Amino acid sequence: MAKLVATIEPTGQCCPSVLGAPLDAEEAAELADGFMALADPVRLRVLSILAAAPDGEVCVCKFVGPLGKSQPTISHHVKILSEAGLVAGDRRGKWVWYSLNRERLAALQAALQPSG
């Protein structure tokens, strides 16, 4: 089975490298929000499903089967990802379609790269 891999390109925006210089309190808090949202297996699986989506978006209703979680549990996890700026939702009727915020993911990735 072929694996789909999402490519995240750093944009040079947002957060400085954790390894480049000491962070101020605001920078550290912004990074921590993003990394805390990633620190859950269900949320990582949501991101991987979104990254593999052929159209780049997935209806929230489509997470129930693959994740084996109830709709309220999935909504809780997607809300955390959304509040951290990692996903964006688009309401269409009674359902919300989610997509990755690749710029935010790239900023978190870049924050772990040595600067220079």
C-alpha atoms as a PDB file:
ATOM      1  CA  MET A   1       0.000   0.000   0.000  1.00  0.00           C
ATOM      2  CA  ALA A   2       1.442   3.374  -1.018  1.00  0.00           C
ATOM      3  CA  LYS A   3       1.802   5.970   1.726  1.00  0.00           C
ATOM      4  CA  LEU A   4       0.770   9.527   1.124  1.00  0.00           C
ATOM      5  CA  VAL A   5       3.134  12.081   2.551  1.00  0.00           C
ATOM      6  CA  ALA A   6       2.146  15.699   3.094  1.00  0.00           C
ATOM      7  CA  THR A   7       4.795  18.207   2.169  1.00  0.00           C
ATOM      8  CA  ILE A   8       4.968  21.189   4.489  1.00  0.00           C
ATOM      9  CA  GLU A   9       7.046  24.095   3.262  1.00  0.00           C
ATOM     10  CA  PRO A  10       8.237  26.636   5.850  1.00  0.00           C
ATOM     11  CA  THR A  11       7.032  30.124   5.041  1.00  0.00           C
ATOM     12  CA  GLY A  12       9.406  32.110   7.214  1.00  0.00           C
ATOM     13  CA  GLN A  13       6.471  33.527   9.164  1.00  0.00           C
ATOM     14  CA  CYS A  14       5.329  33.338  12.757  1.00  0.00           C
ATOM     15  CA  CYS A  15       7.591  31.629  15.186  1.00  0.00           C
ATOM     16  CA  PRO A  16      11.357  31.806  15.520  1.00  0.00           C
ATOM     17  CA  SER A  17      13.464  28.693  15.862  1.00  0.00           C
ATOM     18  CA  VAL A  18      13.518  27.295  19.379  1.00  0.00           C
ATOM     19  CA  LEU A  19      17.122  26.364  18.662  1.00  0.00           C
ATOM     20  CA  GLY A  20      18.143  29.754  17.275  1.00  0.00           C
ATOM     21  CA  ALA A  21      17.761  32.084  20.251  1.00  0.00           C
ATOM     22  CA  PRO A  22      15.857  32.334  23.513  1.00  0.00           C
ATOM     23  CA  LEU A  23      12.117  32.795  22.991  1.00  0.00           C
ATOM     24  CA  ASP A  24      10.128  35.536  24.630  1.00  0.00           C
ATOM     25  CA  ALA A  25       7.014  34.593  26.613  1.00  0.00           C
ATOM     26  CA  GLU A  26       4.577  35.318  23.761  1.00  0.00           C
ATOM     27  CA  GLU A  27       6.557  33.281  21.227  1.00  0.00           C
ATOM     28  CA  ALA A  28       6.839  30.368  23.648  1.00  0.00           C
ATOM     29  CA  ALA A  29       3.106  30.445  24.408  1.00  0.00           C
ATOM     30  CA  GLU A  30       2.184  30.456  20.706  1.00  0.00           C
ATOM     31  CA  LEU A  31       4.451  27.510  19.987  1.00  0.00           C
ATOM     32  CA  ALA A  32       3.245  25.621  23.064  1.00  0.00           C
ATOM     33  CA  ASP A  33      -0.389  25.971  21.945  1.00  0.00           C
ATOM     34  CA  GLY A  34       0.448  24.356  18.631  1.00  0.00           C
ATOM     35  CA  PHE A  35       2.580  21.581  20.051  1.00  0.00           C
ATOM     36  CA  MET A  36       0.053  20.788  22.811  1.00  0.00           C
ATOM     37  CA  ALA A  37      -2.635  20.371  20.165  1.00  0.00           C
ATOM     38  CA  LEU A  38      -0.381  17.864  18.389  1.00  0.00           C
ATOM     39  CA  ALA A  39       0.302  15.871  21.561  1.00  0.00           C
ATOM     40  CA  ASP A  40      -2.623  13.486  21.188  1.00  0.00           C
ATOM     41  CA  PRO A  41      -2.882  10.337  19.039  1.00  0.00           C
ATOM     42  CA  VAL A  42      -6.441  11.097  17.868  1.00  0.00           C
ATOM     43  CA  ARG A  43      -5.502  14.612  16.790  1.00  0.00           C
ATOM     44  CA  LEU A  44      -2.422  13.337  14.956  1.00  0.00           C
ATOM     45  CA  ARG A  45      -4.632  10.845  13.137  1.00  0.00           C
ATOM     46  CA  VAL A  46      -7.060  13.642  12.187  1.00  0.00           C
ATOM     47  CA  LEU A  47      -4.136  15.594  10.710  1.00  0.00           C
ATOM     48  CA  SER A  48      -2.893  12.538   8.812  1.00  0.00           C
ATOM     49  CA  ILE A  49      -6.360  11.900   7.362  1.00  0.00           C
ATOM     50  CA  LEU A  50      -6.580  15.527   6.260  1.00  0.00           C
ATOM     51  CA  ALA A  51      -3.083  15.407   4.763  1.00  0.00           C
ATOM     52  CA  ALA A  52      -4.008  12.308   2.753  1.00  0.00           C
ATOM     53  CA  ALA A  53      -7.359  13.675   1.528  1.00  0.00           C
ATOM     54  CA  PRO A  54      -7.318  13.863  -2.277  1.00  0.00           C
ATOM     55  CA  ASP A  55      -9.340  17.091  -2.282  1.00  0.00           C
ATOM     56  CA  GLY A  56      -7.485  18.558   0.703  1.00  0.00           C
ATOM     57  CA  GLU A  57     -10.569  18.556   2.910  1.00  0.00           C
ATOM     58  CA  VAL A  58     -12.688  16.070   4.837  1.00  0.00           C
ATOM     59  CA  CYS A  59     -16.216  16.255   6.212  1.00  0.00           C
ATOM     60  CA  VAL A  60     -16.199  15.884   9.982  1.00  0.00           C
ATOM     61  CA  CYS A  61     -18.677  13.017   9.547  1.00  0.00           C
ATOM     62  CA  LYS A  62     -15.975  11.011   7.732  1.00  0.00           C
ATOM     63  CA  PHE A  63     -13.711  10.806  10.802  1.00  0.00           C
ATOM     64  CA  VAL A  64     -16.059   8.578  12.839  1.00  0.00           C
ATOM     65  CA  GLY A  65     -15.296   5.301  11.054  1.00  0.00           C
ATOM     66  CA  PRO A  66     -11.517   5.564  10.673  1.00  0.00           C
ATOM     67  CA  LEU A  67     -10.983   6.902  14.195  1.00  0.00           C
ATOM     68  CA  GLY A  68     -13.495   4.662  15.950  1.00  0.00           C
ATOM     69  CA  LYS A  69     -14.609   7.609  18.085  1.00  0.00           C
ATOM     70  CA  SER A  70     -18.002   9.206  18.629  1.00  0.00           C
ATOM     71  CA  GLN A  71     -18.982  12.393  16.834  1.00  0.00           C
ATOM     72  CA  PRO A  72     -18.790  14.491  20.064  1.00  0.00           C
ATOM     73  CA  THR A  73     -15.278  13.171  20.785  1.00  0.00           C
ATOM     74  CA  ILE A  74     -14.128  13.968  17.264  1.00  0.00           C
ATOM     75  CA  SER A  75     -15.662  17.438  17.493  1.00  0.00           C
ATOM     76  CA  HIS A  76     -13.729  18.036  20.723  1.00  0.00           C
ATOM     77  CA  HIS A  77     -10.424  17.072  19.105  1.00  0.00           C
ATOM     78  CA  VAL A  78     -11.062  19.059  15.931  1.00  0.00           C
ATOM     79  CA  LYS A  79     -11.979  22.094  18.047  1.00  0.00           C
ATOM     80  CA  ILE A  80      -8.586  21.896  19.788  1.00  0.00           C
ATOM     81  CA  LEU A  81      -6.809  21.662  16.420  1.00  0.00           C
ATOM     82  CA  SER A  82      -8.849  24.589  15.129  1.00  0.00           C
ATOM     83  CA  GLU A  83      -8.135  26.764  18.187  1.00  0.00           C
ATOM     84  CA  ALA A  84      -4.417  26.060  17.711  1.00  0.00           C
ATOM     85  CA  GLY A  85      -4.706  27.214  14.098  1.00  0.00           C
ATOM     86  CA  LEU A  86      -3.817  23.811  12.663  1.00  0.00           C
ATOM     87  CA  VAL A  87      -7.073  23.201  10.805  1.00  0.00           C
ATOM     88  CA  ALA A  88      -9.778  25.390   9.306  1.00  0.00           C
ATOM     89  CA  GLY A  89     -13.452  24.520   9.010  1.00  0.00           C
ATOM     90  CA  ASP A  90     -16.040  25.455   6.408  1.00  0.00           C
ATOM     91  CA  ARG A  91     -19.686  24.868   7.381  1.00  0.00           C
ATOM     92  CA  ARG A  92     -21.823  23.469   4.575  1.00  0.00           C
ATOM     93  CA  GLY A  93     -25.346  22.807   5.736  1.00  0.00           C
ATOM     94  CA  LYS A  94     -25.226  20.706   8.891  1.00  0.00           C
ATOM     95  CA  TRP A  95     -21.661  19.454   8.332  1.00  0.00           C
ATOM     96  CA  VAL A  96     -18.269  21.115   8.621  1.00  0.00           C
ATOM     97  CA  TRP A  97     -15.507  20.340   6.149  1.00  0.00           C
ATOM     98  CA  TYR A  98     -11.967  20.625   7.523  1.00  0.00           C
ATOM     99  CA  SER A  99      -8.630  21.282   5.845  1.00  0.00           C
ATOM    100  CA  LEU A 100      -5.069  21.644   7.094  1.00  0.00           C
ATOM    101  CA  ASN A 101      -3.534  25.019   7.771  1.00  0.00           C
ATOM    102  CA  ARG A 102      -0.238  24.126   6.133  1.00  0.00           C
ATOM    103  CA  GLU A 103       1.326  27.492   6.981  1.00  0.00           C
ATOM    104  CA  ARG A 104       0.778  26.914  10.724  1.00  0.00           C
ATOM    105  CA  LEU A 105       2.186  23.386  10.469  1.00  0.00           C
ATOM    106  CA  ALA A 106       5.191  24.720   8.560  1.00  0.00           C
ATOM    107  CA  ALA A 107       5.772  27.360  11.252  1.00  0.00           C
ATOM    108  CA  LEU A 108       5.796  24.692  13.974  1.00  0.00           C
ATOM    109  CA  GLN A 109       8.129  22.547  11.915  1.00  0.00           C
ATOM    110  CA  ALA A 110      10.435  25.505  11.280  1.00  0.00           C
ATOM    111  CA  ALA A 111      10.517  26.297  14.997  1.00  0.00           C
ATOM    112  CA  LEU A 112      12.343  23.005  15.536  1.00  0.00           C
ATOM    113  CA  GLN A 113      14.943  23.645  12.852  1.00  0.00           C
ATOM    114  CA  PRO A 114      18.276  25.243  13.692  1.00  0.00           C
ATOM    115  CA  SER A 115      18.316  28.836  12.515  1.00  0.00           C
ATOM    116  CA  GLY A 116      20.869  30.120  10.122  1.00  0.00           C
END
